[in-house]
Amino acid sequence: FARQNFDCETLLCPDMALMLGALPRPAAPDVNVFCLMRTDKERALSGEVDAPGPVEDWLTEPPMHTPADRWRDRMHRKAVRYRAPRMVLRPLMARKLASMNRQAEARLRRGLRMLSRGERVLTDRLHAHILCTMMGIPHVVLDNSYAKLGNFITTWPADGMTQLADSVATARKMLDPSAG
């Protein structure tokens, strides 16, 4: 689109999560197949899924904001609204960024633990695919209605452990170690 409609340089950029590099699996698998499946509007499948293993979504997480985080966020919003001087805004912003970094790291650790549950993984989430790749976990990806995952996998191929399935039935066959 950009090449066709604008006179500008265009560059293909991978998802920033890939910049984390190789990641160790934080725990040994406790099931053959773990299914990290969307529960939101981008879900690949409608209705009940006859999943080949336990199904979870990482959207359901415990609250991570502490009372201090909520207080700091309120103070920061008020300081911005009332145009507080930089000497007030800078320390508030630094603390807010530190809190956001702690939350991001906690979410990453939680996601890695979830995906590590399976010897293999079935997912319809892009970042689950990316994290499985970075941990070396064989996985099958179900694409969504507008081919976001399929296009990503086609654009950034050859990790040797990803398979793209068009249905849960096909995914089940791909995930069966005796079928290989």
C-alpha atoms as a PDB file:
ATOM      1  CA  PHE A   1       0.000   0.000   0.000  1.00  0.00           C
ATOM      2  CA  ALA A   2       2.745   2.437   0.985  1.00  0.00           C
ATOM      3  CA  ARG A   3       4.783   1.701  -2.157  1.00  0.00           C
ATOM      4  CA  GLN A   4       1.746   2.176  -4.383  1.00  0.00           C
ATOM      5  CA  ASN A   5       0.379   5.304  -2.738  1.00  0.00           C
ATOM      6  CA  PHE A   6       3.337   7.240  -1.354  1.00  0.00           C
ATOM      7  CA  ASP A   7       6.688   8.342  -2.641  1.00  0.00           C
ATOM      8  CA  CYS A   8       8.667   7.007   0.313  1.00  0.00           C
ATOM      9  CA  GLU A   9      11.068   4.273   1.300  1.00  0.00           C
ATOM     10  CA  THR A  10       9.345   1.186   2.729  1.00  0.00           C
ATOM     11  CA  LEU A  11      11.008  -1.408   4.934  1.00  0.00           C
ATOM     12  CA  LEU A  12       9.733  -4.718   6.253  1.00  0.00           C
ATOM     13  CA  CYS A  13      10.168  -4.916  10.019  1.00  0.00           C
ATOM     14  CA  PRO A  14       9.709  -8.057  12.139  1.00  0.00           C
ATOM     15  CA  ASP A  15       7.621  -8.025  15.278  1.00  0.00           C
ATOM     16  CA  MET A  16       9.633  -6.473  18.124  1.00  0.00           C
ATOM     17  CA  ALA A  17       9.081  -9.562  20.325  1.00  0.00           C
ATOM     18  CA  LEU A  18      11.645 -11.339  18.128  1.00  0.00           C
ATOM     19  CA  MET A  19      14.291  -9.022  19.541  1.00  0.00           C
ATOM     20  CA  LEU A  20      14.130 -10.926  22.842  1.00  0.00           C
ATOM     21  CA  GLY A  21      16.157 -13.677  21.177  1.00  0.00           C
ATOM     22  CA  ALA A  22      16.266 -17.304  22.265  1.00  0.00           C
ATOM     23  CA  LEU A  23      14.427 -17.928  25.516  1.00  0.00           C
ATOM     24  CA  PRO A  24      14.799 -20.848  27.908  1.00  0.00           C
ATOM     25  CA  ARG A  25      11.734 -22.927  28.671  1.00  0.00           C
ATOM     26  CA  PRO A  26      10.998 -22.036  32.327  1.00  0.00           C
ATOM     27  CA  ALA A  27       9.405 -25.393  33.203  1.00  0.00           C
ATOM     28  CA  ALA A  28       9.173 -28.938  31.937  1.00  0.00           C
ATOM     29  CA  PRO A  29       5.997 -29.797  30.012  1.00  0.00           C
ATOM     30  CA  ASP A  30       3.169 -31.383  32.006  1.00  0.00           C
ATOM     31  CA  VAL A  31       0.830 -32.183  29.066  1.00  0.00           C
ATOM     32  CA  ASN A  32       1.357 -33.487  25.529  1.00  0.00           C
ATOM     33  CA  VAL A  33      -0.473 -30.563  23.903  1.00  0.00           C
ATOM     34  CA  PHE A  34      -1.266 -27.192  25.457  1.00  0.00           C
ATOM     35  CA  CYS A  35      -3.753 -24.974  23.611  1.00  0.00           C
ATOM     36  CA  LEU A  36      -3.389 -21.221  23.987  1.00  0.00           C
ATOM     37  CA  MET A  37      -6.477 -20.015  22.152  1.00  0.00           C
ATOM     38  CA  ARG A  38      -8.002 -16.567  21.787  1.00  0.00           C
ATOM     39  CA  THR A  39     -11.274 -15.762  23.528  1.00  0.00           C
ATOM     40  CA  ASP A  40     -11.702 -12.340  21.897  1.00  0.00           C
ATOM     41  CA  LYS A  41     -13.063 -11.185  18.513  1.00  0.00           C
ATOM     42  CA  GLU A  42      -9.935 -12.354  16.628  1.00  0.00           C
ATOM     43  CA  ARG A  43     -10.534 -15.961  17.654  1.00  0.00           C
ATOM     44  CA  ALA A  44      -9.779 -18.336  14.777  1.00  0.00           C
ATOM     45  CA  LEU A  45     -12.630 -20.719  15.546  1.00  0.00           C
ATOM     46  CA  SER A  46     -16.240 -20.189  16.500  1.00  0.00           C
ATOM     47  CA  GLY A  47     -18.172 -22.305  18.964  1.00  0.00           C
ATOM     48  CA  GLU A  48     -16.793 -25.126  21.067  1.00  0.00           C
ATOM     49  CA  VAL A  49     -13.376 -26.452  20.102  1.00  0.00           C
ATOM     50  CA  ASP A  50     -12.595 -30.148  20.400  1.00  0.00           C
ATOM     51  CA  ALA A  51      -9.098 -29.259  21.546  1.00  0.00           C
ATOM     52  CA  PRO A  52      -6.345 -31.868  21.832  1.00  0.00           C
ATOM     53  CA  GLY A  53      -5.326 -30.589  25.286  1.00  0.00           C
ATOM     54  CA  PRO A  54      -6.097 -28.050  28.006  1.00  0.00           C
ATOM     55  CA  VAL A  55      -7.240 -24.674  26.641  1.00  0.00           C
ATOM     56  CA  GLU A  56      -6.394 -21.300  28.158  1.00  0.00           C
ATOM     57  CA  ASP A  57      -6.068 -17.710  26.994  1.00  0.00           C
ATOM     58  CA  TRP A  58      -3.609 -15.285  28.498  1.00  0.00           C
ATOM     59  CA  LEU A  59      -6.183 -12.483  28.546  1.00  0.00           C
ATOM     60  CA  THR A  60      -7.473 -13.861  31.817  1.00  0.00           C
ATOM     61  CA  GLU A  61      -4.802 -12.716  34.233  1.00  0.00           C
ATOM     62  CA  PRO A  62      -4.792 -11.485  37.796  1.00  0.00           C
ATOM     63  CA  PRO A  63      -4.568  -7.707  38.302  1.00  0.00           C
ATOM     64  CA  MET A  64      -1.001  -6.464  38.272  1.00  0.00           C
ATOM     65  CA  HIS A  65      -1.485  -2.892  39.427  1.00  0.00           C
ATOM     66  CA  THR A  66      -0.683  -2.338  43.058  1.00  0.00           C
ATOM     67  CA  PRO A  67      -2.434   0.407  45.044  1.00  0.00           C
ATOM     68  CA  ALA A  68       0.794   2.429  44.718  1.00  0.00           C
ATOM     69  CA  ASP A  69       0.664   2.019  40.906  1.00  0.00           C
ATOM     70  CA  ARG A  70      -2.937   3.234  40.797  1.00  0.00           C
ATOM     71  CA  TRP A  71      -2.099   6.231  43.017  1.00  0.00           C
ATOM     72  CA  ARG A  72       0.928   7.096  40.845  1.00  0.00           C
ATOM     73  CA  ASP A  73      -1.182   6.842  37.663  1.00  0.00           C
ATOM     74  CA  ARG A  74      -3.785   9.215  39.135  1.00  0.00           C
ATOM     75  CA  MET A  75      -1.097  11.699  40.208  1.00  0.00           C
ATOM     76  CA  HIS A  76       0.532  11.530  36.772  1.00  0.00           C
ATOM     77  CA  ARG A  77      -2.781  12.168  34.978  1.00  0.00           C
ATOM     78  CA  LYS A  78      -3.497  15.138  37.280  1.00  0.00           C
ATOM     79  CA  ALA A  79       0.009  16.517  36.823  1.00  0.00           C
ATOM     80  CA  VAL A  80      -0.339  16.351  33.030  1.00  0.00           C
ATOM     81  CA  ARG A  81      -3.856  17.813  33.083  1.00  0.00           C
ATOM     82  CA  TYR A  82      -2.764  20.773  35.204  1.00  0.00           C
ATOM     83  CA  ARG A  83       0.492  21.217  33.256  1.00  0.00           C
ATOM     84  CA  ALA A  84       2.787  20.569  36.180  1.00  0.00           C
ATOM     85  CA  PRO A  85       6.446  21.594  35.756  1.00  0.00           C
ATOM     86  CA  ARG A  86       8.931  19.044  34.405  1.00  0.00           C
ATOM     87  CA  MET A  87      10.549  18.654  37.815  1.00  0.00           C
ATOM     88  CA  VAL A  88       7.231  17.133  38.999  1.00  0.00           C
ATOM     89  CA  LEU A  89       6.440  15.142  35.838  1.00  0.00           C
ATOM     90  CA  ARG A  90       9.837  13.480  35.336  1.00  0.00           C
ATOM     91  CA  PRO A  91       9.957  11.452  38.572  1.00  0.00           C
ATOM     92  CA  LEU A  92       6.311  10.445  38.158  1.00  0.00           C
ATOM     93  CA  MET A  93       6.950   9.331  34.588  1.00  0.00           C
ATOM     94  CA  ALA A  94      10.092   7.424  35.589  1.00  0.00           C
ATOM     95  CA  ARG A  95       8.147   5.530  38.259  1.00  0.00           C
ATOM     96  CA  LYS A  96       5.281   4.873  35.843  1.00  0.00           C
ATOM     97  CA  LEU A  97       7.688   3.472  33.237  1.00  0.00           C
ATOM     98  CA  ALA A  98       9.360   1.273  35.864  1.00  0.00           C
ATOM     99  CA  SER A  99       5.936  -0.067  36.857  1.00  0.00           C
ATOM    100  CA  MET A 100       5.014  -0.717  33.228  1.00  0.00           C
ATOM    101  CA  ASN A 101       8.310  -2.569  32.696  1.00  0.00           C
ATOM    102  CA  ARG A 102       7.670  -4.745  35.783  1.00  0.00           C
ATOM    103  CA  GLN A 103       4.205  -5.586  34.473  1.00  0.00           C
ATOM    104  CA  ALA A 104       5.518  -6.384  30.979  1.00  0.00           C
ATOM    105  CA  GLU A 105       8.195  -8.678  32.417  1.00  0.00           C
ATOM    106  CA  ALA A 106       5.613 -10.412  34.624  1.00  0.00           C
ATOM    107  CA  ARG A 107       3.332 -10.930  31.607  1.00  0.00           C
ATOM    108  CA  LEU A 108       6.210 -12.357  29.581  1.00  0.00           C
ATOM    109  CA  ARG A 109       7.170 -14.777  32.389  1.00  0.00           C
ATOM    110  CA  ARG A 110       3.519 -15.825  32.727  1.00  0.00           C
ATOM    111  CA  GLY A 111       3.207 -16.404  28.971  1.00  0.00           C
ATOM    112  CA  LEU A 112       6.406 -18.463  28.882  1.00  0.00           C
ATOM    113  CA  ARG A 113       5.171 -20.599  31.804  1.00  0.00           C
ATOM    114  CA  MET A 114       1.815 -21.159  30.104  1.00  0.00           C
ATOM    115  CA  LEU A 115       3.337 -22.207  26.782  1.00  0.00           C
ATOM    116  CA  SER A 116       5.918 -24.402  28.525  1.00  0.00           C
ATOM    117  CA  ARG A 117       3.098 -26.573  29.856  1.00  0.00           C
ATOM    118  CA  GLY A 118       2.886 -28.376  26.520  1.00  0.00           C
ATOM    119  CA  GLU A 119       5.323 -30.721  24.861  1.00  0.00           C
ATOM    120  CA  ARG A 120       3.702 -29.156  21.782  1.00  0.00           C
ATOM    121  CA  VAL A 121       1.368 -26.146  21.479  1.00  0.00           C
ATOM    122  CA  LEU A 122      -1.738 -25.304  19.456  1.00  0.00           C
ATOM    123  CA  THR A 123      -2.437 -21.574  19.183  1.00  0.00           C
ATOM    124  CA  ASP A 124      -4.214 -18.858  17.253  1.00  0.00           C
ATOM    125  CA  ARG A 125      -2.155 -16.046  18.837  1.00  0.00           C
ATOM    126  CA  LEU A 126       0.736 -14.404  16.990  1.00  0.00           C
ATOM    127  CA  HIS A 127       2.873 -13.821  20.082  1.00  0.00           C
ATOM    128  CA  ALA A 128       2.302 -17.389  21.263  1.00  0.00           C
ATOM    129  CA  HIS A 129       3.774 -18.493  17.908  1.00  0.00           C
ATOM    130  CA  ILE A 130       6.714 -16.114  18.334  1.00  0.00           C
ATOM    131  CA  LEU A 131       7.417 -17.214  21.937  1.00  0.00           C
ATOM    132  CA  CYS A 132       7.122 -20.918  21.034  1.00  0.00           C
ATOM    133  CA  THR A 133       9.631 -20.350  18.247  1.00  0.00           C
ATOM    134  CA  MET A 134      12.017 -18.565  20.606  1.00  0.00           C
ATOM    135  CA  MET A 135      11.729 -21.369  23.194  1.00  0.00           C
ATOM    136  CA  GLY A 136      12.072 -24.136  20.593  1.00  0.00           C
ATOM    137  CA  ILE A 137       8.590 -25.572  21.238  1.00  0.00           C
ATOM    138  CA  PRO A 138       7.017 -27.358  18.257  1.00  0.00           C
ATOM    139  CA  HIS A 139       3.625 -25.807  17.572  1.00  0.00           C
ATOM    140  CA  VAL A 140       0.679 -25.647  15.219  1.00  0.00           C
ATOM    141  CA  VAL A 141      -0.930 -22.324  14.361  1.00  0.00           C
ATOM    142  CA  LEU A 142      -4.565 -21.792  13.393  1.00  0.00           C
ATOM    143  CA  ASP A 143      -4.996 -18.667  11.299  1.00  0.00           C
ATOM    144  CA  ASN A 144      -7.670 -16.037  11.901  1.00  0.00           C
ATOM    145  CA  SER A 145     -10.252 -14.740   9.404  1.00  0.00           C
ATOM    146  CA  TYR A 146      -7.939 -12.157   7.842  1.00  0.00           C
ATOM    147  CA  ALA A 147      -4.797 -14.349   7.694  1.00  0.00           C
ATOM    148  CA  LYS A 148      -2.695 -12.333  10.152  1.00  0.00           C
ATOM    149  CA  LEU A 149      -0.746 -15.374  11.382  1.00  0.00           C
ATOM    150  CA  GLY A 150      -0.487 -17.071   8.010  1.00  0.00           C
ATOM    151  CA  ASN A 151       0.904 -13.907   6.448  1.00  0.00           C
ATOM    152  CA  PHE A 152       3.415 -13.504   9.286  1.00  0.00           C
ATOM    153  CA  ILE A 153       4.568 -17.122   9.027  1.00  0.00           C
ATOM    154  CA  THR A 154       4.832 -16.852   5.229  1.00  0.00           C
ATOM    155  CA  THR A 155       6.830 -13.624   5.542  1.00  0.00           C
ATOM    156  CA  TRP A 156       9.162 -14.907   8.299  1.00  0.00           C
ATOM    157  CA  PRO A 157       9.419 -18.657   7.523  1.00  0.00           C
ATOM    158  CA  ALA A 158      11.783 -21.550   8.191  1.00  0.00           C
ATOM    159  CA  ASP A 159      11.917 -21.934  11.936  1.00  0.00           C
ATOM    160  CA  GLY A 160      11.516 -25.709  11.524  1.00  0.00           C
ATOM    161  CA  MET A 161       8.974 -26.112  14.314  1.00  0.00           C
ATOM    162  CA  THR A 162       5.869 -24.277  13.092  1.00  0.00           C
ATOM    163  CA  GLN A 163       3.032 -25.797  11.120  1.00  0.00           C
ATOM    164  CA  LEU A 164      -0.007 -23.904   9.849  1.00  0.00           C
ATOM    165  CA  ALA A 165      -3.368 -25.709  10.076  1.00  0.00           C
ATOM    166  CA  ASP A 166      -6.738 -24.801   8.621  1.00  0.00           C
ATOM    167  CA  SER A 167      -8.791 -26.702  11.214  1.00  0.00           C
ATOM    168  CA  VAL A 168      -8.553 -28.329  14.621  1.00  0.00           C
ATOM    169  CA  ALA A 169      -8.883 -31.749  12.924  1.00  0.00           C
ATOM    170  CA  THR A 170      -5.824 -30.997  10.781  1.00  0.00           C
ATOM    171  CA  ALA A 171      -3.993 -29.583  13.803  1.00  0.00           C
ATOM    172  CA  ARG A 172      -4.727 -32.774  15.798  1.00  0.00           C
ATOM    173  CA  LYS A 173      -3.023 -34.847  13.080  1.00  0.00           C
ATOM    174  CA  MET A 174      -0.047 -32.490  12.982  1.00  0.00           C
ATOM    175  CA  LEU A 175       0.295 -32.608  16.768  1.00  0.00           C
ATOM    176  CA  ASP A 176       0.143 -36.414  17.006  1.00  0.00           C
ATOM    177  CA  PRO A 177       3.748 -37.589  17.509  1.00  0.00           C
ATOM    178  CA  SER A 178       2.904 -41.083  16.187  1.00  0.00           C
ATOM    179  CA  ALA A 179       1.681 -39.601  12.882  1.00  0.00           C
ATOM    180  CA  GLY A 180       5.142 -38.208  12.051  1.00  0.00           C
END
